[in-house]
Amino acid sequence: MRLERTGVVESGPLARVEVPEPEPGPGEVAIAVEACGVCRTDLHLAEGEVSAPLPRVLGHQAAGRISALGGGEGVAGHAIGDAVGVGWMAFVDGSCRWCVSGRENLCPAARYTGRDRDGGFAETMTARAEWVFPLPAGVSAMEAAPLLCAGVIGYRALRLSGIESGGRLGLFGFGASAHLAIQIARHRGCEVFAFTRGEGGRRLALEMGARWAGGADDDPGVALDAAVTFAPAGELVPAALARLAPGGTVAVNAIHMSAIPAMPYERIYGERVVRSVQNSTRRDALELLELAREIPIRAEIAAYPLEEANAALRDVARGEVRGAAVLGIR
């Protein structure tokens, strides 16, 4: 299901096409894709809010099994038949000042799955071997797919928020990423307060252990130690700051969002911090997948066949997905 042209998702911008089977190059593997998560970033790409060279196969939460190995030393450690996953990050140069200081997520030469190279809305894809991760034993491809971006970026956002075990955490927006992040936070003994506009999201948050759920402007009655905003709505940033205790951080988990409105200085006074979350590192992915096995983390899944990728995108855009949308491919 390939993005031929950008447009509102109601217009069905993805087209079913038949293309030659991709072959892995040096340092790459081919993956028989079994499932691929549908991310809000896919929505931004489809509607042109985030640019991509077209045509392009979207999808950066792909899980399946290695079907072929390319040449070179880079494929060592991988074998045909291995259960693996691929996320958003597809390439970094490894030599810039960000890479050598452990911040490869900020590499200016980075390339991305489903944006700069074809992704997982397909029966087969290729990926650079160093960005292919083993899946936890006993976790199906459908269960694993949302972990590969929604899970990883949610994990990084929690880390950047500075939330400590037992702290009070606010989650603004409660979709694919937040419903995985809450499982990590609850595992660490945090009190979680969910701010989301939909009744379905509030119910899910409470079912998953949130102490309180309400709207972005509602008052939970306590000050938060940290917060993460997941919805691409700039007005959530001052709303989150208004609920934050002095010294707390709001981590903004969005690749694209509307403008942050003007706000009084008092919203950030008291050494409050706003910081963005950009991409993830291999360390983030490996740590999250280990946590997924340990906790365990379980995604709430809305399944769609590959041919209904446009419908999945529409449901994500409308906020009608409980948990994470995942395409079942094999």
C-alpha atoms as a PDB file:
ATOM      1  CA  MET A   1       0.000   0.000   0.000  1.00  0.00           C
ATOM      2  CA  ARG A   2       2.037   2.893  -1.364  1.00  0.00           C
ATOM      3  CA  LEU A   3       1.676   6.639  -0.919  1.00  0.00           C
ATOM      4  CA  GLU A   4       1.382   7.931  -4.473  1.00  0.00           C
ATOM      5  CA  ARG A   5       0.282  11.471  -3.612  1.00  0.00           C
ATOM      6  CA  THR A   6      -0.348  13.421  -0.445  1.00  0.00           C
ATOM      7  CA  GLY A   7      -3.878  14.357   0.505  1.00  0.00           C
ATOM      8  CA  VAL A   8      -6.396  14.206   3.313  1.00  0.00           C
ATOM      9  CA  VAL A   9      -6.783  10.621   4.468  1.00  0.00           C
ATOM     10  CA  GLU A  10     -10.497  10.658   3.554  1.00  0.00           C
ATOM     11  CA  SER A  11      -9.334  10.734  -0.085  1.00  0.00           C
ATOM     12  CA  GLY A  12      -7.500   7.404   0.264  1.00  0.00           C
ATOM     13  CA  PRO A  13      -3.949   8.512  -0.643  1.00  0.00           C
ATOM     14  CA  LEU A  14      -2.501   4.982  -0.388  1.00  0.00           C
ATOM     15  CA  ALA A  15      -2.734   2.796  -3.503  1.00  0.00           C
ATOM     16  CA  ARG A  16      -2.393  -0.974  -3.765  1.00  0.00           C
ATOM     17  CA  VAL A  17       0.496  -1.700  -6.137  1.00  0.00           C
ATOM     18  CA  GLU A  18       2.493  -4.760  -7.210  1.00  0.00           C
ATOM     19  CA  VAL A  19       6.250  -4.171  -7.304  1.00  0.00           C
ATOM     20  CA  PRO A  20       9.276  -6.488  -7.617  1.00  0.00           C
ATOM     21  CA  GLU A  21      10.382  -8.222  -4.420  1.00  0.00           C
ATOM     22  CA  PRO A  22      12.986  -5.956  -2.756  1.00  0.00           C
ATOM     23  CA  GLU A  23      16.427  -7.506  -2.374  1.00  0.00           C
ATOM     24  CA  PRO A  24      18.774  -6.641   0.503  1.00  0.00           C
ATOM     25  CA  GLY A  25      21.974  -4.822  -0.348  1.00  0.00           C
ATOM     26  CA  PRO A  26      25.273  -5.022   1.548  1.00  0.00           C
ATOM     27  CA  GLY A  27      24.672  -4.720   5.286  1.00  0.00           C
ATOM     28  CA  GLU A  28      20.920  -5.157   4.868  1.00  0.00           C
ATOM     29  CA  VAL A  29      18.330  -7.835   5.526  1.00  0.00           C
ATOM     30  CA  ALA A  30      15.003  -8.579   3.869  1.00  0.00           C
ATOM     31  CA  ILE A  31      12.002  -9.082   6.148  1.00  0.00           C
ATOM     32  CA  ALA A  32       8.794 -10.952   5.408  1.00  0.00           C
ATOM     33  CA  VAL A  33       6.471  -8.516   7.158  1.00  0.00           C
ATOM     34  CA  GLU A  34       3.754 -10.070   9.315  1.00  0.00           C
ATOM     35  CA  ALA A  35       2.372  -6.913  10.925  1.00  0.00           C
ATOM     36  CA  CYS A  36       2.938  -3.165  10.821  1.00  0.00           C
ATOM     37  CA  GLY A  37       1.645  -0.547  13.210  1.00  0.00           C
ATOM     38  CA  VAL A  38      -0.068   2.576  11.901  1.00  0.00           C
ATOM     39  CA  CYS A  39       1.420   5.671  13.523  1.00  0.00           C
ATOM     40  CA  ARG A  40       0.296   9.285  13.621  1.00  0.00           C
ATOM     41  CA  THR A  41       3.549  10.051  11.770  1.00  0.00           C
ATOM     42  CA  ASP A  42       2.190   7.963   8.874  1.00  0.00           C
ATOM     43  CA  LEU A  43      -0.828  10.262   8.939  1.00  0.00           C
ATOM     44  CA  HIS A  44       1.399  13.372   8.832  1.00  0.00           C
ATOM     45  CA  LEU A  45       3.304  11.890   5.878  1.00  0.00           C
ATOM     46  CA  ALA A  46       0.148  10.937   4.005  1.00  0.00           C
ATOM     47  CA  GLU A  47      -1.312  14.415   4.412  1.00  0.00           C
ATOM     48  CA  GLY A  48       1.953  16.175   3.545  1.00  0.00           C
ATOM     49  CA  GLU A  49       2.538  17.764   6.947  1.00  0.00           C
ATOM     50  CA  VAL A  50       5.866  15.876   7.074  1.00  0.00           C
ATOM     51  CA  SER A  51       7.609  15.690   3.699  1.00  0.00           C
ATOM     52  CA  ALA A  52       8.747  12.494   1.973  1.00  0.00           C
ATOM     53  CA  PRO A  53       9.974  11.680  -1.536  1.00  0.00           C
ATOM     54  CA  LEU A  54       7.119  10.009  -3.443  1.00  0.00           C
ATOM     55  CA  PRO A  55       6.065   7.398  -4.210  1.00  0.00           C
ATOM     56  CA  ARG A  56       6.862   5.803  -0.857  1.00  0.00           C
ATOM     57  CA  VAL A  57       5.697   2.780   1.107  1.00  0.00           C
ATOM     58  CA  LEU A  58       4.860   4.038   4.594  1.00  0.00           C
ATOM     59  CA  GLY A  59       5.088   2.098   7.839  1.00  0.00           C
ATOM     60  CA  HIS A  60       7.814   2.157  10.472  1.00  0.00           C
ATOM     61  CA  GLN A  61       6.529  -0.294  13.080  1.00  0.00           C
ATOM     62  CA  ALA A  62       7.168  -3.464  11.113  1.00  0.00           C
ATOM     63  CA  ALA A  63       7.485  -6.924  12.628  1.00  0.00           C
ATOM     64  CA  GLY A  64       8.166 -10.189  10.855  1.00  0.00           C
ATOM     65  CA  ARG A  65      10.899 -12.687  10.044  1.00  0.00           C
ATOM     66  CA  ILE A  66      14.168 -12.306   8.165  1.00  0.00           C
ATOM     67  CA  SER A  67      13.771 -13.822   4.709  1.00  0.00           C
ATOM     68  CA  ALA A  68      17.160 -12.990   3.154  1.00  0.00           C
ATOM     69  CA  LEU A  69      20.551 -11.591   4.126  1.00  0.00           C
ATOM     70  CA  GLY A  70      22.622  -9.136   2.140  1.00  0.00           C
ATOM     71  CA  GLY A  71      26.385  -9.344   1.972  1.00  0.00           C
ATOM     72  CA  GLY A  72      28.967  -7.773   4.227  1.00  0.00           C
ATOM     73  CA  GLU A  73      29.910  -7.968   7.880  1.00  0.00           C
ATOM     74  CA  GLY A  74      26.981  -5.866   9.030  1.00  0.00           C
ATOM     75  CA  VAL A  75      24.528  -8.765   8.918  1.00  0.00           C
ATOM     76  CA  ALA A  76      26.464 -10.833  11.480  1.00  0.00           C
ATOM     77  CA  GLY A  77      24.200 -11.853  14.320  1.00  0.00           C
ATOM     78  CA  HIS A  78      21.122 -12.136  12.109  1.00  0.00           C
ATOM     79  CA  ALA A  79      19.829 -15.345  10.559  1.00  0.00           C
ATOM     80  CA  ILE A  80      17.044 -16.276   8.168  1.00  0.00           C
ATOM     81  CA  GLY A  81      13.903 -16.989  10.160  1.00  0.00           C
ATOM     82  CA  ASP A  82      14.720 -14.662  13.072  1.00  0.00           C
ATOM     83  CA  ALA A  83      11.726 -12.787  14.487  1.00  0.00           C
ATOM     84  CA  VAL A  84      12.660  -9.115  14.212  1.00  0.00           C
ATOM     85  CA  GLY A  85      11.268  -5.608  14.152  1.00  0.00           C
ATOM     86  CA  VAL A  86      12.112  -2.295  12.511  1.00  0.00           C
ATOM     87  CA  GLY A  87      11.283   1.188  13.798  1.00  0.00           C
ATOM     88  CA  TRP A  88      11.446   4.791  12.559  1.00  0.00           C
ATOM     89  CA  MET A  89      15.224   5.181  12.530  1.00  0.00           C
ATOM     90  CA  ALA A  90      16.812   3.665   9.429  1.00  0.00           C
ATOM     91  CA  PHE A  91      20.323   5.163   9.198  1.00  0.00           C
ATOM     92  CA  VAL A  92      22.775   7.481  10.970  1.00  0.00           C
ATOM     93  CA  ASP A  93      26.266   8.417   9.849  1.00  0.00           C
ATOM     94  CA  GLY A  94      27.902   7.270  13.100  1.00  0.00           C
ATOM     95  CA  SER A  95      30.590   9.956  12.898  1.00  0.00           C
ATOM     96  CA  CYS A  96      28.938  13.309  13.621  1.00  0.00           C
ATOM     97  CA  ARG A  97      29.218  14.946  17.048  1.00  0.00           C
ATOM     98  CA  TRP A  98      25.742  13.772  17.988  1.00  0.00           C
ATOM     99  CA  CYS A  99      26.417  10.141  17.092  1.00  0.00           C
ATOM    100  CA  VAL A 100      29.765   9.960  18.862  1.00  0.00           C
ATOM    101  CA  SER A 101      28.256  11.482  22.013  1.00  0.00           C
ATOM    102  CA  GLY A 102      25.444   8.909  22.249  1.00  0.00           C
ATOM    103  CA  ARG A 103      22.808  11.158  20.669  1.00  0.00           C
ATOM    104  CA  GLU A 104      22.365   9.426  17.320  1.00  0.00           C
ATOM    105  CA  ASN A 105      18.679  10.369  17.390  1.00  0.00           C
ATOM    106  CA  LEU A 106      19.805  13.932  16.528  1.00  0.00           C
ATOM    107  CA  CYS A 107      22.112  12.927  13.626  1.00  0.00           C
ATOM    108  CA  PRO A 108      21.604  15.486  10.817  1.00  0.00           C
ATOM    109  CA  ALA A 109      22.230  12.759   8.224  1.00  0.00           C
ATOM    110  CA  ALA A 110      19.591  10.408   9.698  1.00  0.00           C
ATOM    111  CA  ARG A 111      17.214   8.567   7.392  1.00  0.00           C
ATOM    112  CA  TYR A 112      13.843   7.178   8.345  1.00  0.00           C
ATOM    113  CA  THR A 113      11.835   4.045   7.617  1.00  0.00           C
ATOM    114  CA  GLY A 114       8.702   4.775   5.616  1.00  0.00           C
ATOM    115  CA  ARG A 115       9.969   8.238   4.753  1.00  0.00           C
ATOM    116  CA  ASP A 116      13.421   7.962   3.147  1.00  0.00           C
ATOM    117  CA  ARG A 117      13.186   4.250   2.365  1.00  0.00           C
ATOM    118  CA  ASP A 118      10.206   1.987   1.866  1.00  0.00           C
ATOM    119  CA  GLY A 119       8.581   0.712   5.026  1.00  0.00           C
ATOM    120  CA  GLY A 120       6.303  -1.991   6.308  1.00  0.00           C
ATOM    121  CA  PHE A 121       2.923  -1.377   4.613  1.00  0.00           C
ATOM    122  CA  ALA A 122       4.018  -4.221   2.338  1.00  0.00           C
ATOM    123  CA  GLU A 123       4.572  -7.966   2.262  1.00  0.00           C
ATOM    124  CA  THR A 124       8.366  -7.582   2.153  1.00  0.00           C
ATOM    125  CA  MET A 125      10.774  -4.792   3.053  1.00  0.00           C
ATOM    126  CA  THR A 126      14.498  -4.316   3.511  1.00  0.00           C
ATOM    127  CA  ALA A 127      16.361  -2.586   6.332  1.00  0.00           C
ATOM    128  CA  ARG A 128      19.894  -1.915   7.430  1.00  0.00           C
ATOM    129  CA  ALA A 129      20.883  -4.721   9.763  1.00  0.00           C
ATOM    130  CA  GLU A 130      22.065  -2.439  12.578  1.00  0.00           C
ATOM    131  CA  TRP A 131      18.534  -1.018  12.884  1.00  0.00           C
ATOM    132  CA  VAL A 132      16.827  -4.422  13.022  1.00  0.00           C
ATOM    133  CA  PHE A 133      15.944  -5.620  16.527  1.00  0.00           C
ATOM    134  CA  PRO A 134      15.172  -9.103  17.882  1.00  0.00           C
ATOM    135  CA  LEU A 135      11.637  -9.417  19.181  1.00  0.00           C
ATOM    136  CA  PRO A 136      10.902 -10.667  22.713  1.00  0.00           C
ATOM    137  CA  ALA A 137      10.194 -14.394  22.877  1.00  0.00           C
ATOM    138  CA  GLY A 138       6.521 -15.230  23.071  1.00  0.00           C
ATOM    139  CA  VAL A 139       5.362 -11.886  21.624  1.00  0.00           C
ATOM    140  CA  SER A 140       3.553 -12.138  18.290  1.00  0.00           C
ATOM    141  CA  ALA A 141       4.257  -9.791  15.391  1.00  0.00           C
ATOM    142  CA  MET A 142       0.873  -8.109  15.911  1.00  0.00           C
ATOM    143  CA  GLU A 143       1.668  -7.504  19.582  1.00  0.00           C
ATOM    144  CA  ALA A 144       5.226  -6.374  18.864  1.00  0.00           C
ATOM    145  CA  ALA A 145       4.516  -3.895  16.067  1.00  0.00           C
ATOM    146  CA  PRO A 146       3.278  -0.987  18.255  1.00  0.00           C
ATOM    147  CA  LEU A 147       6.296  -1.373  20.532  1.00  0.00           C
ATOM    148  CA  LEU A 148       8.669  -0.442  17.708  1.00  0.00           C
ATOM    149  CA  CYS A 149       7.723   3.249  17.576  1.00  0.00           C
ATOM    150  CA  ALA A 150       4.806   4.039  19.884  1.00  0.00           C
ATOM    151  CA  GLY A 151       6.477   2.036  22.624  1.00  0.00           C
ATOM    152  CA  VAL A 152      10.038   3.200  22.018  1.00  0.00           C
ATOM    153  CA  ILE A 153       9.232   6.903  21.663  1.00  0.00           C
ATOM    154  CA  GLY A 154       6.931   6.742  24.684  1.00  0.00           C
ATOM    155  CA  TYR A 155       9.743   5.178  26.691  1.00  0.00           C
ATOM    156  CA  ARG A 156      12.147   7.919  25.609  1.00  0.00           C
ATOM    157  CA  ALA A 157       9.577  10.601  26.420  1.00  0.00           C
ATOM    158  CA  LEU A 158       9.194   9.224  29.950  1.00  0.00           C
ATOM    159  CA  ARG A 159      12.958   9.302  30.383  1.00  0.00           C
ATOM    160  CA  LEU A 160      13.252  12.873  29.119  1.00  0.00           C
ATOM    161  CA  SER A 161      10.387  13.987  31.362  1.00  0.00           C
ATOM    162  CA  GLY A 162      12.526  13.076  34.372  1.00  0.00           C
ATOM    163  CA  ILE A 163       9.682  11.233  36.095  1.00  0.00           C
ATOM    164  CA  GLU A 164      10.965   9.202  39.024  1.00  0.00           C
ATOM    165  CA  SER A 165       9.569   6.035  40.569  1.00  0.00           C
ATOM    166  CA  GLY A 166       6.519   6.888  42.638  1.00  0.00           C
ATOM    167  CA  GLY A 167       6.088  10.329  41.043  1.00  0.00           C
ATOM    168  CA  ARG A 168       2.937  11.947  39.709  1.00  0.00           C
ATOM    169  CA  LEU A 169       2.859  11.801  35.921  1.00  0.00           C
ATOM    170  CA  GLY A 170       0.466  13.509  33.515  1.00  0.00           C
ATOM    171  CA  LEU A 171      -0.212  12.017  30.085  1.00  0.00           C
ATOM    172  CA  PHE A 172      -1.888  14.457  27.690  1.00  0.00           C
ATOM    173  CA  GLY A 173      -3.545  12.464  24.918  1.00  0.00           C
ATOM    174  CA  PHE A 174      -4.148   8.763  25.382  1.00  0.00           C
ATOM    175  CA  GLY A 175      -3.539   6.859  22.161  1.00  0.00           C
ATOM    176  CA  ALA A 176      -1.075   4.286  20.889  1.00  0.00           C
ATOM    177  CA  SER A 177       2.018   5.651  22.640  1.00  0.00           C
ATOM    178  CA  ALA A 178       0.424   6.731  25.916  1.00  0.00           C
ATOM    179  CA  HIS A 179      -1.326   3.404  26.484  1.00  0.00           C
ATOM    180  CA  LEU A 180       2.086   1.710  26.356  1.00  0.00           C
ATOM    181  CA  ALA A 181       3.867   4.392  28.392  1.00  0.00           C
ATOM    182  CA  ILE A 182       1.358   4.073  31.231  1.00  0.00           C
ATOM    183  CA  GLN A 183       2.337   0.432  31.642  1.00  0.00           C
ATOM    184  CA  ILE A 184       5.968   1.421  32.195  1.00  0.00           C
ATOM    185  CA  ALA A 185       4.995   4.224  34.575  1.00  0.00           C
ATOM    186  CA  ARG A 186       2.701   1.990  36.622  1.00  0.00           C
ATOM    187  CA  HIS A 187       5.419  -0.678  36.746  1.00  0.00           C
ATOM    188  CA  ARG A 188       7.627   1.972  38.377  1.00  0.00           C
ATOM    189  CA  GLY A 189       4.996   2.857  40.935  1.00  0.00           C
ATOM    190  CA  CYS A 190       3.992   6.203  39.420  1.00  0.00           C
ATOM    191  CA  GLU A 191       0.580   7.780  39.895  1.00  0.00           C
ATOM    192  CA  VAL A 192      -0.735   8.520  36.410  1.00  0.00           C
ATOM    193  CA  PHE A 193      -3.218  11.247  35.483  1.00  0.00           C
ATOM    194  CA  ALA A 194      -4.631  11.028  31.945  1.00  0.00           C
ATOM    195  CA  PHE A 195      -5.841  14.163  30.145  1.00  0.00           C
ATOM    196  CA  THR A 196      -7.726  13.276  26.980  1.00  0.00           C
ATOM    197  CA  ARG A 197     -10.848  14.516  25.215  1.00  0.00           C
ATOM    198  CA  GLY A 198     -12.446  11.176  24.335  1.00  0.00           C
ATOM    199  CA  GLU A 199     -14.503   9.125  26.775  1.00  0.00           C
ATOM    200  CA  GLY A 200     -13.068   5.955  25.236  1.00  0.00           C
ATOM    201  CA  GLY A 201      -9.522   7.079  25.985  1.00  0.00           C
ATOM    202  CA  ARG A 202     -10.455   8.004  29.545  1.00  0.00           C
ATOM    203  CA  ARG A 203     -12.028   4.596  30.130  1.00  0.00           C
ATOM    204  CA  LEU A 204      -8.963   2.833  28.741  1.00  0.00           C
ATOM    205  CA  ALA A 205      -6.634   4.939  30.914  1.00  0.00           C
ATOM    206  CA  LEU A 206      -8.599   4.061  34.053  1.00  0.00           C
ATOM    207  CA  GLU A 207      -8.694   0.396  33.064  1.00  0.00           C
ATOM    208  CA  MET A 208      -4.911   0.492  32.720  1.00  0.00           C
ATOM    209  CA  GLY A 209      -4.358   1.907  36.184  1.00  0.00           C
ATOM    210  CA  ALA A 210      -4.605   5.686  35.860  1.00  0.00           C
ATOM    211  CA  ARG A 211      -5.557   7.318  39.159  1.00  0.00           C
ATOM    212  CA  TRP A 212      -7.629   9.975  37.359  1.00  0.00           C
ATOM    213  CA  ALA A 213      -8.806  10.757  33.827  1.00  0.00           C
ATOM    214  CA  GLY A 214     -10.364  13.927  32.481  1.00  0.00           C
ATOM    215  CA  GLY A 215     -10.044  16.701  29.905  1.00  0.00           C
ATOM    216  CA  ALA A 216      -7.008  18.893  29.276  1.00  0.00           C
ATOM    217  CA  ASP A 217      -8.569  21.797  31.176  1.00  0.00           C
ATOM    218  CA  ASP A 218      -9.845  19.724  34.091  1.00  0.00           C
ATOM    219  CA  ASP A 219      -8.149  19.875  37.479  1.00  0.00           C
ATOM    220  CA  PRO A 220      -7.006  16.535  38.944  1.00  0.00           C
ATOM    221  CA  GLY A 221      -6.545  18.183  42.343  1.00  0.00           C
ATOM    222  CA  VAL A 222      -2.789  17.591  42.611  1.00  0.00           C
ATOM    223  CA  ALA A 223       0.380  19.056  41.074  1.00  0.00           C
ATOM    224  CA  LEU A 224       2.289  16.848  38.629  1.00  0.00           C
ATOM    225  CA  ASP A 225       5.991  16.050  38.894  1.00  0.00           C
ATOM    226  CA  ALA A 226       6.269  15.563  35.121  1.00  0.00           C
ATOM    227  CA  ALA A 227       4.083  15.383  32.037  1.00  0.00           C
ATOM    228  CA  VAL A 228       4.214  14.093  28.481  1.00  0.00           C
ATOM    229  CA  THR A 229       2.065  15.509  25.675  1.00  0.00           C
ATOM    230  CA  PHE A 230       1.269  13.006  22.919  1.00  0.00           C
ATOM    231  CA  ALA A 231      -1.429  14.722  20.846  1.00  0.00           C
ATOM    232  CA  PRO A 232      -0.136  17.106  18.120  1.00  0.00           C
ATOM    233  CA  ALA A 233      -1.947  20.077  19.640  1.00  0.00           C
ATOM    234  CA  GLY A 234       0.177  23.036  20.714  1.00  0.00           C
ATOM    235  CA  GLU A 235      -2.415  24.229  23.216  1.00  0.00           C
ATOM    236  CA  LEU A 236      -1.650  21.176  25.367  1.00  0.00           C
ATOM    237  CA  VAL A 237       1.791  22.565  26.265  1.00  0.00           C
ATOM    238  CA  PRO A 238       0.537  25.496  28.388  1.00  0.00           C
ATOM    239  CA  ALA A 239      -2.232  23.230  29.709  1.00  0.00           C
ATOM    240  CA  ALA A 240       0.378  20.736  30.900  1.00  0.00           C
ATOM    241  CA  LEU A 241       2.557  23.473  32.376  1.00  0.00           C
ATOM    242  CA  ALA A 242      -0.440  24.740  34.339  1.00  0.00           C
ATOM    243  CA  ARG A 243      -0.624  21.377  36.137  1.00  0.00           C
ATOM    244  CA  LEU A 244       3.121  21.049  36.737  1.00  0.00           C
ATOM    245  CA  ALA A 245       4.833  21.465  40.106  1.00  0.00           C
ATOM    246  CA  PRO A 246       7.949  23.707  40.291  1.00  0.00           C
ATOM    247  CA  GLY A 247      11.012  21.997  38.844  1.00  0.00           C
ATOM    248  CA  GLY A 248       8.956  19.670  36.644  1.00  0.00           C
ATOM    249  CA  THR A 249       9.333  18.952  32.931  1.00  0.00           C
ATOM    250  CA  VAL A 250       6.859  18.692  30.075  1.00  0.00           C
ATOM    251  CA  ALA A 251       8.187  16.370  27.348  1.00  0.00           C
ATOM    252  CA  VAL A 252       6.542  17.091  23.995  1.00  0.00           C
ATOM    253  CA  ASN A 253       6.251  13.857  22.037  1.00  0.00           C
ATOM    254  CA  ALA A 254       5.374  14.965  18.499  1.00  0.00           C
ATOM    255  CA  ILE A 255       7.131  15.111  15.145  1.00  0.00           C
ATOM    256  CA  HIS A 256       4.642  17.752  13.971  1.00  0.00           C
ATOM    257  CA  MET A 257       2.154  19.840  15.906  1.00  0.00           C
ATOM    258  CA  SER A 258       0.116  23.012  15.784  1.00  0.00           C
ATOM    259  CA  ALA A 259       1.550  26.272  17.103  1.00  0.00           C
ATOM    260  CA  ILE A 260       2.065  26.651  20.832  1.00  0.00           C
ATOM    261  CA  PRO A 261      -0.071  29.652  21.869  1.00  0.00           C
ATOM    262  CA  ALA A 262       1.323  32.619  23.756  1.00  0.00           C
ATOM    263  CA  MET A 263       1.276  32.148  27.515  1.00  0.00           C
ATOM    264  CA  PRO A 264       2.216  34.163  30.592  1.00  0.00           C
ATOM    265  CA  TYR A 265       5.751  33.754  31.898  1.00  0.00           C
ATOM    266  CA  GLU A 266       4.334  32.403  35.169  1.00  0.00           C
ATOM    267  CA  ARG A 267       3.535  29.138  33.347  1.00  0.00           C
ATOM    268  CA  ILE A 268       7.242  28.277  33.144  1.00  0.00           C
ATOM    269  CA  TYR A 269       8.494  30.215  36.175  1.00  0.00           C
ATOM    270  CA  GLY A 270       9.613  27.989  39.023  1.00  0.00           C
ATOM    271  CA  GLU A 271      12.264  26.287  36.870  1.00  0.00           C
ATOM    272  CA  ARG A 272       9.684  24.389  34.873  1.00  0.00           C
ATOM    273  CA  VAL A 273      11.029  22.956  31.620  1.00  0.00           C
ATOM    274  CA  VAL A 274       9.562  22.257  28.176  1.00  0.00           C
ATOM    275  CA  ARG A 275      11.578  19.939  25.940  1.00  0.00           C
ATOM    276  CA  SER A 276      10.855  18.171  22.675  1.00  0.00           C
ATOM    277  CA  VAL A 277      11.398  14.492  21.967  1.00  0.00           C
ATOM    278  CA  GLN A 278      13.111  13.721  18.653  1.00  0.00           C
ATOM    279  CA  ASN A 279      13.449  10.177  17.327  1.00  0.00           C
ATOM    280  CA  SER A 280      15.100   7.448  19.399  1.00  0.00           C
ATOM    281  CA  THR A 281      18.375   5.590  19.746  1.00  0.00           C
ATOM    282  CA  ARG A 282      19.202   1.902  19.420  1.00  0.00           C
ATOM    283  CA  ARG A 283      19.656   1.869  23.186  1.00  0.00           C
ATOM    284  CA  ASP A 284      16.079   3.122  23.620  1.00  0.00           C
ATOM    285  CA  ALA A 285      14.747   0.325  21.409  1.00  0.00           C
ATOM    286  CA  LEU A 286      16.716  -2.436  23.106  1.00  0.00           C
ATOM    287  CA  GLU A 287      15.785  -1.244  26.597  1.00  0.00           C
ATOM    288  CA  LEU A 288      12.101  -0.912  25.715  1.00  0.00           C
ATOM    289  CA  LEU A 289      11.951  -4.392  24.171  1.00  0.00           C
ATOM    290  CA  GLU A 290      13.567  -5.843  27.295  1.00  0.00           C
ATOM    291  CA  LEU A 291      11.025  -4.004  29.450  1.00  0.00           C
ATOM    292  CA  ALA A 292       8.242  -5.333  27.241  1.00  0.00           C
ATOM    293  CA  ARG A 293       9.378  -8.843  28.123  1.00  0.00           C
ATOM    294  CA  GLU A 294       9.935  -8.090  31.814  1.00  0.00           C
ATOM    295  CA  ILE A 295       6.739  -6.187  32.739  1.00  0.00           C
ATOM    296  CA  PRO A 296       5.228  -7.493  30.335  1.00  0.00           C
ATOM    297  CA  ILE A 297       3.869  -4.681  28.149  1.00  0.00           C
ATOM    298  CA  ARG A 298       0.774  -5.588  26.166  1.00  0.00           C
ATOM    299  CA  ALA A 299      -0.679  -3.416  23.418  1.00  0.00           C
ATOM    300  CA  GLU A 300      -4.404  -2.948  22.943  1.00  0.00           C
ATOM    301  CA  ILE A 301      -4.761  -3.622  19.215  1.00  0.00           C
ATOM    302  CA  ALA A 302      -7.250  -2.664  16.524  1.00  0.00           C
ATOM    303  CA  ALA A 303      -6.413  -4.985  13.607  1.00  0.00           C
ATOM    304  CA  TYR A 304      -6.863  -4.203   9.908  1.00  0.00           C
ATOM    305  CA  PRO A 305      -5.846  -6.147   6.787  1.00  0.00           C
ATOM    306  CA  LEU A 306      -3.120  -4.541   4.677  1.00  0.00           C
ATOM    307  CA  GLU A 307      -5.642  -3.583   1.993  1.00  0.00           C
ATOM    308  CA  GLU A 308      -7.499  -1.428   4.528  1.00  0.00           C
ATOM    309  CA  ALA A 309      -4.499   0.771   5.360  1.00  0.00           C
ATOM    310  CA  ASN A 310      -6.437   3.876   4.227  1.00  0.00           C
ATOM    311  CA  ALA A 311      -9.248   3.009   6.645  1.00  0.00           C
ATOM    312  CA  ALA A 312      -6.704   2.548   9.456  1.00  0.00           C
ATOM    313  CA  LEU A 313      -5.245   5.987   8.736  1.00  0.00           C
ATOM    314  CA  ARG A 314      -8.727   7.532   8.764  1.00  0.00           C
ATOM    315  CA  ASP A 315      -9.532   5.952  12.112  1.00  0.00           C
ATOM    316  CA  VAL A 316      -6.248   7.195  13.585  1.00  0.00           C
ATOM    317  CA  ALA A 317      -7.002  10.698  12.281  1.00  0.00           C
ATOM    318  CA  ARG A 318     -10.474  10.628  13.843  1.00  0.00           C
ATOM    319  CA  GLY A 319      -9.244   9.313  17.177  1.00  0.00           C
ATOM    320  CA  GLU A 320     -11.404   6.211  16.806  1.00  0.00           C
ATOM    321  CA  VAL A 321      -8.725   3.608  17.588  1.00  0.00           C
ATOM    322  CA  ARG A 322      -8.668   2.055  21.046  1.00  0.00           C
ATOM    323  CA  GLY A 323      -4.959   1.552  21.666  1.00  0.00           C
ATOM    324  CA  ALA A 324      -2.926   0.988  18.513  1.00  0.00           C
ATOM    325  CA  ALA A 325      -3.926   0.332  14.880  1.00  0.00           C
ATOM    326  CA  VAL A 326      -1.982  -2.566  13.344  1.00  0.00           C
ATOM    327  CA  LEU A 327      -2.042  -3.977   9.810  1.00  0.00           C
ATOM    328  CA  GLY A 328      -2.004  -7.772   9.682  1.00  0.00           C
ATOM    329  CA  ILE A 329      -0.044  -8.777   6.598  1.00  0.00           C
ATOM    330  CA  ARG A 330       0.685 -12.518   6.792  1.00  0.00           C
END
